[in-house]
Protein backbone atom coordinates (compact mmCIF):
# COMPACT_ATOMS: atom_id res chain seq x y z
CA UNK A 1 0.14 0.24 0.04
CA UNK A 2 1.35 3.64 -1.27
CA UNK A 3 1.22 6.61 1.45
CA UNK A 4 -1.18 8.96 0.46
CA UNK A 5 1.21 12.17 -0.50
CA UNK A 6 -1.61 14.41 -1.74
CA UNK A 7 -4.83 15.97 -0.59
CA UNK A 8 -7.77 17.65 -2.32
CA UNK A 9 -8.85 20.37 -0.03
CA UNK A 10 -5.76 23.18 0.57
CA UNK A 11 -6.35 26.14 3.33
CA UNK A 12 -7.22 28.01 0.33
CA UNK A 13 -9.89 26.09 -1.27
CA UNK A 14 -11.45 25.65 2.37
CA UNK A 15 -11.71 29.45 2.63
CA UNK A 16 -13.52 29.71 -0.34
CA UNK A 17 -16.06 27.24 0.20
CA UNK A 18 -16.72 28.81 3.79
CA UNK A 19 -16.52 32.35 1.91
CA UNK A 20 -19.13 30.80 -0.66
CA UNK A 21 -21.50 29.66 1.81
CA UNK A 22 -21.63 33.05 3.64
CA UNK A 23 -22.30 34.51 0.80
CA UNK A 24 -24.92 32.63 -0.15
CA UNK A 25 -26.54 31.93 3.64
CA UNK A 26 -29.27 34.79 4.15
CA UNK A 27 -27.00 37.74 6.24
CA UNK A 28 -25.06 35.20 8.03
CA UNK A 29 -28.30 34.72 10.58
CA UNK A 30 -27.35 32.38 13.58
CA UNK A 31 -30.82 30.44 12.94
CA UNK A 32 -28.86 28.76 9.92
CA UNK A 33 -26.35 27.84 11.66
CA UNK A 34 -27.27 23.96 12.00
CA UNK A 35 -28.13 24.24 7.79
CA UNK A 36 -24.77 25.55 7.04
CA UNK A 37 -22.52 23.23 8.97
CA UNK A 38 -24.67 20.40 7.22
CA UNK A 39 -24.00 22.27 3.36
CA UNK A 40 -20.47 22.79 4.27
CA UNK A 41 -19.82 19.49 5.41
CA UNK A 42 -21.38 18.39 1.96
CA UNK A 43 -19.73 20.85 0.20
CA UNK A 44 -16.55 19.49 1.44
CA UNK A 45 -17.41 15.92 0.68
CA UNK A 46 -18.30 16.90 -2.76
CA UNK A 47 -15.14 17.75 -3.88
CA UNK A 48 -13.95 13.95 -3.17
CA UNK A 49 -16.79 12.66 -5.10
CA UNK A 50 -15.83 15.03 -7.99
CA UNK A 51 -12.23 13.92 -8.29
CA UNK A 52 -13.74 10.18 -8.64
CA UNK A 53 -16.25 11.32 -10.80
CA UNK A 54 -13.32 12.01 -12.99
CA UNK A 55 -11.59 9.02 -12.52
CA UNK A 56 -15.15 7.33 -13.19
CA UNK A 57 -14.53 8.94 -16.64
CA UNK A 58 -11.11 7.39 -17.41
CA UNK A 59 -13.21 3.47 -16.66
CA UNK A 60 -15.89 4.41 -19.13
CA UNK A 61 -13.59 5.24 -21.56
CA UNK A 62 -11.74 1.83 -21.45
CA UNK A 63 -14.74 0.18 -21.41
CA UNK A 64 -16.11 1.67 -24.28
CA UNK A 65 -12.32 1.45 -26.10
CA UNK A 66 -13.41 -2.17 -25.29
CA UNK A 67 -16.29 -2.16 -26.81
CA UNK A 68 -14.48 -0.64 -30.38
CA UNK A 69 -11.78 -3.07 -30.16
CA UNK A 70 -14.34 -6.18 -30.55
CA UNK A 71 -15.99 -4.29 -33.20
CA UNK A 72 -12.60 -3.51 -35.49
CA UNK A 73 -11.79 -7.29 -34.93
CA UNK A 74 -14.55 -8.36 -36.67
CA UNK A 75 -14.63 -5.58 -39.19
CA UNK A 76 -12.66 -6.46 -42.48
CA UNK A 77 -12.01 -3.06 -43.72
CA UNK A 78 -10.06 -1.12 -40.89
CA UNK A 79 -7.71 0.89 -40.87
CA UNK A 80 -4.27 -0.26 -39.18
CA UNK A 81 -3.34 3.18 -37.16
CA UNK A 82 -7.23 3.11 -36.11
CA UNK A 83 -6.56 -0.56 -34.80
CA UNK A 84 -3.04 0.12 -33.29
CA UNK A 85 -4.97 3.21 -31.62
CA UNK A 86 -7.74 1.62 -30.52
CA UNK A 87 -5.68 -1.12 -29.12
CA UNK A 88 -2.83 0.94 -27.00
CA UNK A 89 -5.75 2.78 -25.52
CA UNK A 90 -7.18 -0.86 -24.13
CA UNK A 91 -4.40 -2.10 -23.31
CA UNK A 92 -2.71 0.97 -21.37
CA UNK A 93 -1.41 -0.15 -18.11
CA UNK A 94 -2.64 3.27 -16.43
CA UNK A 95 -6.31 3.21 -17.97
CA UNK A 96 -6.54 -0.50 -17.20
CA UNK A 97 -5.49 0.29 -13.32
CA UNK A 98 -8.16 2.68 -12.87
CA UNK A 99 -10.87 0.57 -15.32
CA UNK A 100 -10.12 -2.37 -13.04
CA UNK A 101 -8.81 -0.99 -9.35
CA UNK A 102 -11.03 -2.84 -6.53
CA UNK A 103 -9.97 0.63 -4.33
CA UNK A 104 -11.54 2.79 -6.56
CA UNK A 105 -14.79 0.54 -7.40
CA UNK A 106 -15.43 -0.01 -3.84
CA UNK A 107 -15.61 4.13 -3.24
CA UNK A 108 -17.51 4.76 -6.32
CA UNK A 109 -20.13 1.94 -4.70
CA UNK A 110 -20.22 3.75 -1.50
CA UNK A 111 -20.14 7.36 -2.80
CA UNK A 112 -22.88 6.14 -5.26
CA UNK A 113 -20.47 7.71 -8.24
CA UNK A 114 -22.81 6.57 -11.18
CA UNK A 115 -23.72 9.67 -13.58
CA UNK A 116 -21.54 7.65 -16.38
CA UNK A 117 -23.65 5.12 -16.24
CA UNK A 118 -26.97 7.25 -16.49
CA UNK A 119 -25.57 9.89 -18.87
CA UNK A 120 -22.93 7.34 -20.94
CA UNK A 121 -23.96 10.36 -23.76
CA UNK A 122 -20.88 12.16 -22.73
CA UNK A 123 -18.61 9.26 -22.46
CA UNK A 124 -19.50 8.83 -25.84
CA UNK A 125 -18.71 12.95 -26.48
CA UNK A 126 -14.94 12.32 -24.90
CA UNK A 127 -14.58 9.18 -26.72
CA UNK A 128 -14.96 10.54 -30.08
CA UNK A 129 -13.01 14.04 -29.04
CA UNK A 130 -10.10 11.74 -28.20
CA UNK A 131 -9.65 10.90 -31.82
CA UNK A 132 -9.25 14.41 -33.42
CA UNK A 133 -6.68 15.23 -31.08
CA UNK A 134 -3.61 15.44 -33.03
CA UNK A 135 -1.29 14.89 -29.99
CA UNK A 136 -2.97 12.29 -28.80
CA UNK A 137 -3.02 10.30 -32.01
CA UNK A 138 0.54 10.88 -32.31
CA UNK A 139 0.77 9.18 -28.63
CA UNK A 140 -1.41 6.27 -29.65
CA UNK A 141 0.65 4.78 -32.67
CA UNK A 142 3.56 3.01 -31.03
CA UNK A 143 4.27 -0.57 -31.76
CA UNK A 144 5.60 -1.72 -28.75
CA UNK A 145 4.16 1.28 -25.88
CA UNK A 146 6.16 0.97 -22.53
CA UNK A 147 5.29 2.70 -19.78
CA UNK A 148 6.13 6.10 -20.08
CA UNK A 149 4.33 6.31 -23.44
CA UNK A 150 1.42 4.47 -21.61
CA UNK A 151 1.74 7.79 -19.03
CA UNK A 152 2.14 10.40 -21.58
CA UNK A 153 -0.43 9.08 -23.32
CA UNK A 154 -2.79 9.61 -20.54
CA UNK A 155 -1.81 12.75 -19.30
CA UNK A 156 -2.02 13.73 -23.02
CA UNK A 157 -5.54 12.44 -23.12
CA UNK A 158 -7.07 14.13 -19.96
CA UNK A 159 -4.81 17.62 -20.46
CA UNK A 160 -6.15 18.53 -23.93
CA UNK A 161 -9.40 16.18 -24.52
CA UNK A 162 -11.60 15.29 -20.55
CA UNK A 163 -9.99 19.03 -18.68
CA UNK A 164 -11.15 21.61 -21.44
CA UNK A 165 -14.18 19.92 -22.55
CA UNK A 166 -17.00 22.39 -22.36
CA UNK A 167 -19.69 19.74 -22.93
CA UNK A 168 -18.26 18.66 -19.98
CA UNK A 169 -18.43 21.74 -18.28
CA UNK A 170 -21.87 22.18 -18.96
CA UNK A 171 -22.76 18.82 -17.47
CA UNK A 172 -20.92 20.00 -14.91
CA UNK A 173 -22.70 23.19 -13.80
CA UNK A 174 -26.05 21.17 -13.84
CA UNK A 175 -25.16 18.35 -11.75
CA UNK A 176 -22.30 20.21 -9.18
CA UNK A 177 -23.61 23.27 -7.70
CA UNK A 178 -19.59 24.07 -6.97
CA UNK A 179 -18.39 22.78 -10.19
CA UNK A 180 -16.36 26.24 -11.11
CA UNK A 181 -14.41 26.05 -7.80
CA UNK A 182 -14.08 22.74 -7.34
CA UNK A 183 -12.92 21.46 -11.31
CA UNK A 184 -9.78 23.27 -11.16
CA UNK A 185 -8.22 21.72 -7.96
CA UNK A 186 -9.61 18.38 -9.18
CA UNK A 187 -8.35 18.41 -12.32
CA UNK A 188 -4.97 19.85 -10.99
CA UNK A 189 -4.60 16.98 -8.51
CA UNK A 190 -5.64 14.52 -11.08
CA UNK A 191 -3.13 15.27 -13.41
CA UNK A 192 -0.28 15.13 -11.13
CA UNK A 193 -1.17 12.25 -9.91
CA UNK A 194 -0.89 10.81 -13.53
CA UNK A 195 2.08 12.11 -14.63
CA UNK A 196 4.02 11.00 -11.52
CA UNK A 197 2.94 7.32 -11.98
CA UNK A 198 5.12 4.98 -11.45
CA UNK A 199 5.82 1.05 -12.27
CA UNK A 200 4.47 -0.75 -10.63
CA UNK A 201 1.24 0.88 -9.86
CA UNK A 202 0.20 0.91 -6.06
CA UNK A 203 -3.13 -0.73 -5.53
CA UNK A 204 -4.20 2.49 -3.77
CA UNK A 205 -2.23 5.11 -5.75
CA UNK A 206 -5.45 6.77 -7.20
CA UNK A 207 -6.64 6.95 -3.38
CA UNK A 208 -6.18 10.29 -1.86
CA UNK A 209 -7.01 12.54 1.49
CA UNK A 210 -9.67 15.09 1.51
CA UNK A 211 -8.06 17.21 3.79
CA UNK A 212 -4.36 17.45 4.49
CA UNK A 213 -4.38 17.89 8.24
CA UNK A 214 -6.79 16.02 10.22
CA UNK A 215 -7.38 19.81 11.96
CA UNK A 216 -8.39 20.88 8.92
CA UNK A 217 -12.20 20.26 9.05
CA UNK A 218 -12.43 21.43 12.28
CA UNK A 219 -10.36 24.84 11.30
CA UNK A 220 -13.54 24.49 8.36
CA UNK A 221 -16.19 24.31 10.68
CA UNK A 222 -14.75 26.75 13.31
CA UNK A 223 -14.20 29.61 10.82
CA UNK A 224 -17.92 29.63 9.37
CA UNK A 225 -19.47 29.24 12.43
CA UNK A 226 -17.78 31.80 14.77
CA UNK A 227 -17.75 34.22 11.71
CA UNK A 228 -21.67 33.59 11.62
CA UNK A 229 -21.84 34.08 15.28
CA UNK A 230 -20.27 37.26 15.65
CA UNK A 231 -20.54 38.67 12.05
CA UNK A 232 -22.48 41.58 13.53
CA UNK A 233 -19.83 42.54 15.84
CA UNK A 234 -17.30 41.89 12.70
CA UNK A 235 -19.44 44.26 10.24
CA UNK A 236 -19.38 47.02 12.97
CA UNK A 237 -15.62 46.96 13.45
CA UNK A 238 -15.75 47.40 9.51
CA UNK A 239 -18.27 50.20 9.63
CA UNK A 240 -15.89 51.95 12.01
CA UNK A 241 -12.88 51.58 9.73
CA UNK A 242 -14.82 53.03 6.44
CA UNK A 243 -16.62 55.66 8.42
CA UNK A 244 -16.05 57.56 4.88
CA UNK A 245 -17.58 54.88 2.67
CA UNK A 246 -21.45 54.44 1.46
CA UNK A 247 -21.82 51.15 3.22
CA UNK A 248 -24.19 50.05 0.64
CA UNK A 249 -21.76 50.60 -1.82
CA UNK A 250 -19.57 47.89 0.22
CA UNK A 251 -19.86 44.74 -1.97
CA UNK A 252 -21.41 42.58 -0.01
CA UNK A 253 -18.63 40.00 -0.58
CA UNK A 254 -15.99 42.18 0.98
CA UNK A 255 -17.89 42.62 3.67
CA UNK A 256 -18.07 38.68 4.18
CA UNK A 257 -14.34 38.39 3.47
CA UNK A 258 -13.56 41.14 5.77
CA UNK A 259 -15.53 39.49 8.37
CA UNK A 260 -13.85 35.89 7.87
CA UNK A 261 -10.15 38.10 8.41
CA UNK A 262 -10.81 39.50 11.49
CA UNK A 263 -12.46 36.10 12.72
CA UNK A 264 -8.89 34.36 12.03
CA UNK A 265 -7.53 37.53 13.74
CA UNK A 266 -9.46 36.98 16.91
CA UNK A 267 -9.87 33.39 17.00
CA UNK A 268 -7.60 31.92 15.56
CA UNK A 269 -4.17 32.32 17.64
CA UNK A 270 -1.91 29.96 16.20
CA UNK A 271 -2.46 31.43 12.63
CA UNK A 272 0.04 34.07 11.49
CA UNK A 273 -1.09 37.54 10.53
CA UNK A 274 0.36 37.91 7.19
CA UNK A 275 -0.64 34.64 5.86
CA UNK A 276 -4.63 35.59 7.09
CA UNK A 277 -4.27 38.93 4.83
CA UNK A 278 -2.24 37.60 1.96
CA UNK A 279 -5.13 34.85 1.27
CA UNK A 280 -7.93 37.01 1.78
CA UNK A 281 -6.05 39.51 -0.77
CA UNK A 282 -6.02 36.92 -3.28
CA UNK A 283 -9.81 35.79 -2.50
CA UNK A 284 -10.73 39.25 -2.93
CA UNK A 285 -8.75 39.58 -6.11
CA UNK A 286 -9.98 36.07 -8.09
CA UNK A 287 -13.83 36.30 -7.14
CA UNK A 288 -14.57 39.61 -6.32
CA UNK A 289 -14.19 43.79 -8.35
CA UNK A 290 -11.22 44.46 -9.60
CA UNK A 291 -10.52 47.41 -6.78
CA UNK A 292 -11.72 45.06 -3.86
CA UNK A 293 -8.10 43.82 -2.98
CA UNK A 294 -6.72 47.19 -2.54
CA UNK A 295 -10.17 48.08 -0.30
CA UNK A 296 -9.59 44.86 1.71
CA UNK A 297 -6.08 45.12 2.03
CA UNK A 298 -6.27 48.98 2.95
CA UNK A 299 -8.89 47.92 6.02
CA UNK A 300 -6.91 45.10 7.44
CA UNK A 301 -3.96 47.24 7.66
CA UNK A 302 -6.16 49.43 10.22
CA UNK A 303 -7.85 47.41 11.62
CA UNK A 304 -4.34 45.07 12.64
CA UNK A 305 -2.91 48.31 13.82
CA UNK A 306 -4.98 49.07 16.22
CA UNK A 307 -4.99 45.61 17.64
CA UNK A 308 -2.00 45.73 18.13
CA UNK A 309 -2.14 49.18 19.40
CA UNK A 310 -4.47 48.10 22.14
CA UNK A 311 -2.95 44.71 22.56
CA UNK A 312 -5.97 43.51 20.80
CA UNK A 313 -4.10 40.78 18.52
CA UNK A 314 -4.07 37.22 20.40
CA UNK A 315 -0.87 35.11 18.86
CA UNK A 316 0.79 32.35 20.14
CA UNK A 317 4.35 31.74 19.55
CA UNK A 318 7.13 34.16 17.15
CA UNK A 319 6.61 35.07 13.66
CA UNK A 320 2.89 35.31 13.84
CA UNK A 321 2.78 39.07 13.53
């Protein structure tokens, strides 16, 4: 058994999920706390389902190629390169591993990952797209492919055909609420796993953890809960630093990011101040208005200076300020 070395949820992605939930939550009211915890848990587990779903697509492609190969073998007129490409795809060691791996099959059964069985037309459209990709075709015509060729074939298939497929994106948007946030994370991790795979393949190679550290799940719940419970107080703190601003014109998402950052300042003594500030500036850049990162940075800088002057900053250990 191999040691799991990668996880799906980083602290950045956890903060993103909490931000998304708080934005969707009705003004962060305490009455919604129980429901918010449930939604957050489902969202965090959902990224694991998404990862399994992408792996399941590989299994679907292998089954489709196997059927196609049997058809070719009984067909009198078939071009040599078509037969060779199909045989190499069916015999690809990595694709075979994914399609026949009991660890993955059991996880998919347990998590009820069956979208491809219910929507085989999407497997068909991906399979069709494979043959029109020139780079994949050039990697799939080796007469005696070795493991390195197999690995390159799978990385090209994923990077060129599966990951950028807009019809798949439309499909995901209909079935997964957080697909646009989760998809880049899932695809990045899966591409790393494909590009670094070695022969022989460990039985649990594609099994990954949801969290990098057991404490991360608690961090997610605490960040969401404490931000909701103290949201009004945190909003008042921001209002004091923005007296010359029209409060109605402050982007709601910016306010949520500021509340979360204040929560980390006050409730998470082990987190360095600079990490918190950097994280929320980046979230503002990615998800809010063009000028939001400057606004968030300026307000957080004022708040930190005030906390330090009044000795309100509760941080444990060196290097946390």
